[in-house]
Protein backbone atom coordinates (compact mmCIF):
# COMPACT_ATOMS: atom_id res chain seq x y z
CA TYR A 1 216.15 370.94 48.31
CA ASN A 2 216.20 371.58 44.47
CA LEU A 3 213.33 369.14 43.22
CA LYS A 4 215.54 369.03 39.86
CA ASN A 5 218.02 367.17 41.44
CA LYS A 6 215.83 364.70 43.43
CA ASN A 7 217.70 361.91 42.12
CA LYS A 8 220.69 363.29 44.15
CA VAL A 9 218.81 363.32 47.37
CA LYS A 10 217.98 360.25 49.66
CA ILE A 11 214.74 360.69 51.51
CA VAL A 12 214.38 358.57 54.67
CA LYS A 13 211.36 357.69 56.55
CA VAL A 14 211.70 357.83 60.38
CA LEU A 15 209.18 356.99 63.09
CA SER A 16 207.75 359.35 65.56
CA GLY A 17 209.58 357.51 68.37
CA TYR A 18 211.72 354.39 69.05
CA VAL A 19 212.50 351.73 71.90
CA ASP A 20 214.61 353.30 74.63
CA SER A 21 216.65 350.14 75.57
CA SER A 22 217.47 351.59 79.04
CA GLU A 23 213.88 351.47 79.73
CA ILE A 24 213.01 347.97 79.00
CA LYS A 25 214.13 346.62 82.49
CA HIS A 26 211.83 349.36 83.96
CA TYR A 27 208.67 348.22 82.43
CA GLU A 28 209.60 344.46 82.86
CA LYS A 29 210.09 345.21 86.62
CA TYR A 30 206.59 346.22 87.20
CA SER A 31 204.82 343.78 84.27
CA LYS A 32 204.74 340.56 86.41
CA THR A 33 201.71 341.65 88.32
CA LYS A 34 198.70 343.35 86.51
CA THR A 35 195.42 344.79 88.46
CA ILE A 36 193.89 346.81 85.72
CA ASP A 37 192.21 345.10 82.93
CA PHE A 38 191.78 348.15 80.50
CA SER A 39 194.04 351.26 80.54
CA TYR A 40 193.91 354.59 78.34
CA ARG A 41 195.28 357.88 78.38
CA VAL A 42 195.17 360.58 75.62
CA PHE A 43 195.66 363.93 74.93
CA SER A 44 192.42 365.43 73.62
CA ALA A 45 192.79 367.78 70.72
CA LYS A 46 189.13 367.38 69.87
CA ALA A 47 188.88 368.64 66.41
CA ARG A 48 192.30 370.35 65.46
CA ASN A 49 193.67 367.05 64.10
CA GLY A 50 190.69 366.26 62.00
CA TYR A 51 188.71 363.20 62.36
CA LEU A 52 192.13 360.96 63.04
CA GLY A 53 192.69 362.93 66.19
CA TYR A 54 188.96 362.96 67.40
CA GLN A 55 189.03 359.23 67.15
CA LYS A 56 191.40 359.13 70.21
CA ILE A 57 188.29 360.44 72.21
CA LEU A 58 185.69 358.44 70.51
CA ILE A 59 187.53 355.25 71.33
CA GLY A 60 188.04 356.00 74.75
CA ASN A 61 184.19 357.04 75.35
CA LEU A 62 183.06 353.91 73.42
CA PHE A 63 185.16 351.60 75.56
CA LYS A 64 184.15 353.39 78.95
CA GLU A 65 180.37 352.99 78.09
CA LYS A 66 180.66 349.37 77.33
CA LEU A 67 183.09 348.42 80.18
CA ALA A 68 180.93 350.07 82.61
CA LYS A 69 178.35 347.20 82.07
CA SER A 70 181.11 344.48 82.21
CA LYS A 71 182.84 342.62 84.87
CA PHE A 72 186.42 344.39 83.82
CA SER A 73 188.07 346.96 85.73
CA PHE A 74 189.24 349.92 83.81
CA ASP A 75 191.17 353.31 83.98
CA ILE A 76 190.31 355.20 81.00
CA SER A 77 190.44 359.09 80.66
CA MET A 78 190.97 361.79 77.90
CA ASN A 79 191.19 364.44 80.34
CA VAL A 80 194.58 366.39 80.18
CA LYS A 81 194.61 366.70 83.91
CA LYS A 82 194.77 362.86 84.41
CA THR A 83 197.89 362.58 82.36
CA ILE A 84 200.45 360.17 83.97
CA TYR A 85 204.26 361.16 83.91
CA GLY A 86 207.36 359.57 84.35
CA SER A 87 207.83 356.47 86.56
CA LYS A 88 204.06 356.66 87.42
CA TRP A 89 203.42 356.05 83.63
CA VAL A 90 205.73 353.12 83.45
CA LYS A 91 203.87 351.47 86.44
CA PHE A 92 200.37 352.32 85.06
CA MET A 93 201.37 350.89 81.68
CA ALA A 94 202.87 347.66 83.01
CA ASN A 95 199.84 347.36 85.47
CA SER A 96 197.62 346.87 82.49
CA LYS A 97 196.35 343.80 80.85
CA TYR A 98 195.13 345.58 77.61
CA THR A 99 195.55 349.26 76.61
CA LEU A 100 193.54 350.96 73.80
CA GLY A 101 195.06 352.90 70.95
CA ILE A 102 194.95 354.21 67.30
CA GLU A 103 197.38 355.59 64.94
CA GLY A 104 198.91 358.77 65.79
CA GLY A 105 199.23 362.10 63.52
CA SER A 106 196.56 364.00 61.83
CA SER A 107 194.14 363.68 58.83
CA LEU A 108 193.93 367.51 58.59
CA TYR A 109 196.80 369.49 56.83
CA ASP A 110 197.49 372.73 58.44
CA PRO A 111 201.03 373.58 58.23
CA GLU A 112 200.29 377.23 59.20
CA TYR A 113 197.97 376.30 61.99
CA LYS A 114 195.07 378.25 60.50
CA PHE A 115 192.51 375.71 61.17
CA LYS A 116 193.90 375.21 64.74
CA ASP A 117 193.29 378.56 65.50
CA LYS A 118 189.93 378.70 64.28
CA CYS A 119 189.14 375.65 66.10
CA LEU A 120 190.48 376.94 69.49
CA GLU A 121 188.53 380.13 68.90
CA TYR A 122 185.28 378.26 68.20
CA GLU A 123 185.78 375.59 71.05
CA LYS A 124 186.20 378.49 73.52
CA LYS A 125 183.10 380.11 72.47
CA ASN A 126 181.29 376.78 72.23
CA PRO A 127 182.69 374.36 74.79
CA ASN A 128 180.04 371.60 74.15
CA ALA A 129 180.29 371.86 70.46
CA SER A 130 180.49 368.24 68.70
CA PHE A 131 183.40 367.35 66.24
CA LYS A 132 180.80 367.48 63.28
CA GLU A 133 179.77 371.21 64.32
CA ILE A 134 183.45 372.27 64.62
CA GLU A 135 184.52 370.50 61.57
CA ALA A 136 181.55 372.46 59.45
CA LYS A 137 182.57 375.80 61.13
CA CYS A 138 186.21 375.58 60.82
CA PHE A 139 187.56 373.31 58.14
CA LYS A 140 184.66 372.16 56.09
CA ASN A 141 185.57 369.75 53.26
CA LYS A 142 189.49 370.12 54.23
CA ASP A 143 189.80 366.88 56.31
CA ASN A 144 191.09 363.48 55.12
CA LEU A 145 192.86 365.20 51.98
CA VAL A 146 196.20 363.87 53.35
CA SER A 147 197.18 360.71 55.46
CA CYS A 148 199.59 361.31 58.38
CA ALA A 149 198.71 358.31 60.46
CA VAL A 150 201.73 356.76 62.21
CA ILE A 151 202.69 354.20 64.71
CA THR A 152 203.31 356.06 68.16
CA PRO A 153 205.77 355.49 70.95
CA ARG A 154 202.82 354.14 73.12
CA MET A 155 203.09 350.70 70.83
CA PHE A 156 206.60 350.23 71.72
CA GLU A 157 205.80 350.84 75.55
CA ALA A 158 202.85 348.39 75.72
CA ALA A 159 205.20 345.71 73.99
CA MET A 160 208.07 346.43 76.58
CA ALA A 161 205.41 346.21 79.29
CA ARG A 162 203.86 343.03 78.00
CA THR A 163 200.43 344.85 77.64
CA CYS A 164 198.25 343.63 75.13
CA LEU A 165 197.05 346.30 72.46
CA ILE A 166 193.79 346.80 71.34
CA LEU A 167 193.84 349.27 68.47
CA LYS A 168 191.46 350.53 65.74
CA GLU A 169 192.59 348.90 62.36
CA GLY A 170 195.37 350.84 60.43
CA ASN A 171 198.58 350.82 58.78
CA TYR A 172 201.12 351.34 61.54
CA ASN A 173 203.99 351.99 59.29
CA ASN A 174 203.54 348.40 58.20
CA ILE A 175 205.08 347.19 61.54
CA LEU A 176 201.92 346.08 63.32
CA LYS A 177 199.44 343.51 62.07
CA LYS A 178 196.12 342.92 63.12
CA ASN A 179 195.43 339.69 64.96
CA VAL A 180 199.24 339.24 65.16
CA HIS A 181 200.46 342.18 67.27
CA TYR A 182 196.92 343.53 68.32
CA ILE A 183 193.22 342.96 68.60
CA PRO A 184 191.69 344.92 65.94
CA ILE A 185 188.77 347.57 66.42
CA LYS A 186 186.89 347.44 63.23
CA LYS A 187 186.78 351.01 61.06
CA ASP A 188 183.20 351.27 62.07
CA TYR A 189 183.59 350.45 65.75
CA SER A 190 181.11 347.82 65.16
CA ASN A 191 182.80 344.84 66.93
CA ILE A 192 183.52 346.36 70.39
CA ASP A 193 181.18 344.12 72.16
CA ASN A 194 182.50 341.35 70.78
CA ILE A 195 186.04 342.20 71.63
CA ILE A 196 185.13 342.64 75.29
CA LYS A 197 183.06 339.31 75.27
CA ASN A 198 185.68 337.04 73.61
CA LEU A 199 188.79 338.40 75.55
CA ASN A 200 190.91 335.30 76.29
CA ASP A 201 194.10 334.93 78.26
CA LYS A 202 195.91 332.43 76.09
CA GLU A 203 195.33 334.66 73.13
CA ARG A 204 196.49 337.80 74.98
CA GLU A 205 199.57 335.90 75.91
CA LYS A 206 200.27 335.01 72.25
CA ILE A 207 199.77 338.46 70.83
CA ILE A 208 201.86 339.77 73.90
CA GLU A 209 204.89 337.31 73.24
CA ARG A 210 204.90 338.40 69.25
CA CYS A 211 204.71 342.07 70.02
CA HIS A 212 207.77 341.80 72.25
CA ARG A 213 209.69 339.51 69.92
CA ASP A 214 209.19 341.59 66.94
CA LEU A 215 209.14 345.21 68.36
CA ILE A 216 211.58 344.75 71.29
CA LYS A 217 213.57 341.70 71.02
CA SER A 218 214.45 342.02 67.44
CA GLY A 219 216.13 345.27 68.08
CA ASN A 220 214.88 346.69 64.84
CA TYR A 221 213.17 349.77 66.42
CA THR A 222 215.64 351.08 68.88
CA TYR A 223 217.36 354.53 69.38
CA GLU A 224 220.60 352.87 69.05
CA LYS A 225 219.82 351.46 65.58
CA PHE A 226 218.02 354.87 64.48
CA VAL A 227 221.32 356.63 65.33
CA LYS A 228 223.64 354.13 63.42
CA ASN A 229 221.06 354.38 60.50
CA PHE A 230 221.50 358.26 60.73
CA PHE A 231 225.20 358.25 60.41
CA LYS A 232 225.08 356.06 57.52
CA ASP A 233 222.87 358.41 55.75
CA ILE A 234 225.08 361.12 56.58
CA GLN A 235 228.14 359.17 54.96
CA PHE A 236 225.79 358.63 52.00
CA ALA A 237 225.06 362.24 51.83
CA LYS A 238 228.63 363.02 51.56
CA THR A 239 229.09 361.22 48.34
CA LEU A 240 226.34 363.36 46.59
CA LYS A 241 227.44 365.94 44.26
CA PRO A 242 224.53 368.19 43.31
CA LYS A 243 224.69 370.13 39.95
């Protein structure tokens, strides 16, 4: 659009996903019995989404290491071959007491995929390269220049499944609040042992209920509401008369 007429343009922020109301009953159907203490699935983009994306792998590995020494059961994988689809995913999420997560998005601004191509080429030649090594070789001093961290559909799915969120501290589009809607993982990951040690069923239920109330029962984040708001914005756009 013409920046000279930006006062004539309405810019609307939207989420990366919304609540599918038709799915709520399916999640609730399987949420009554939970046999997995901790669950986590994530696609590993390794370095291509900057440090924000890499932390998805980091969180999984850190919790796997800690949980292996605990009494808790877990099903955690960052391997794309272990991706779970469709109704199996609904059952998996609903069967979990806790699920891990972090804001989605990228901290690496790469609209033309130049860094992505460099990363893929370097990773192919150096499959065991660390994040820091790939960063130094492919996008040195280019990470964290923008903030594209967002709440993801996974958080809404957990709320539908009445599964407690354990998330890296973040903004989450100002929707989720730490210690209200999720158990926070500190930015330096220093409290993971304490999280595992101090798990409490009563506190878990409180967080689950607040999440379900604010994300699902409120109806504020459904696709239906998104569509209604979209058409309201269309009607507003028709009233604009650019110079």
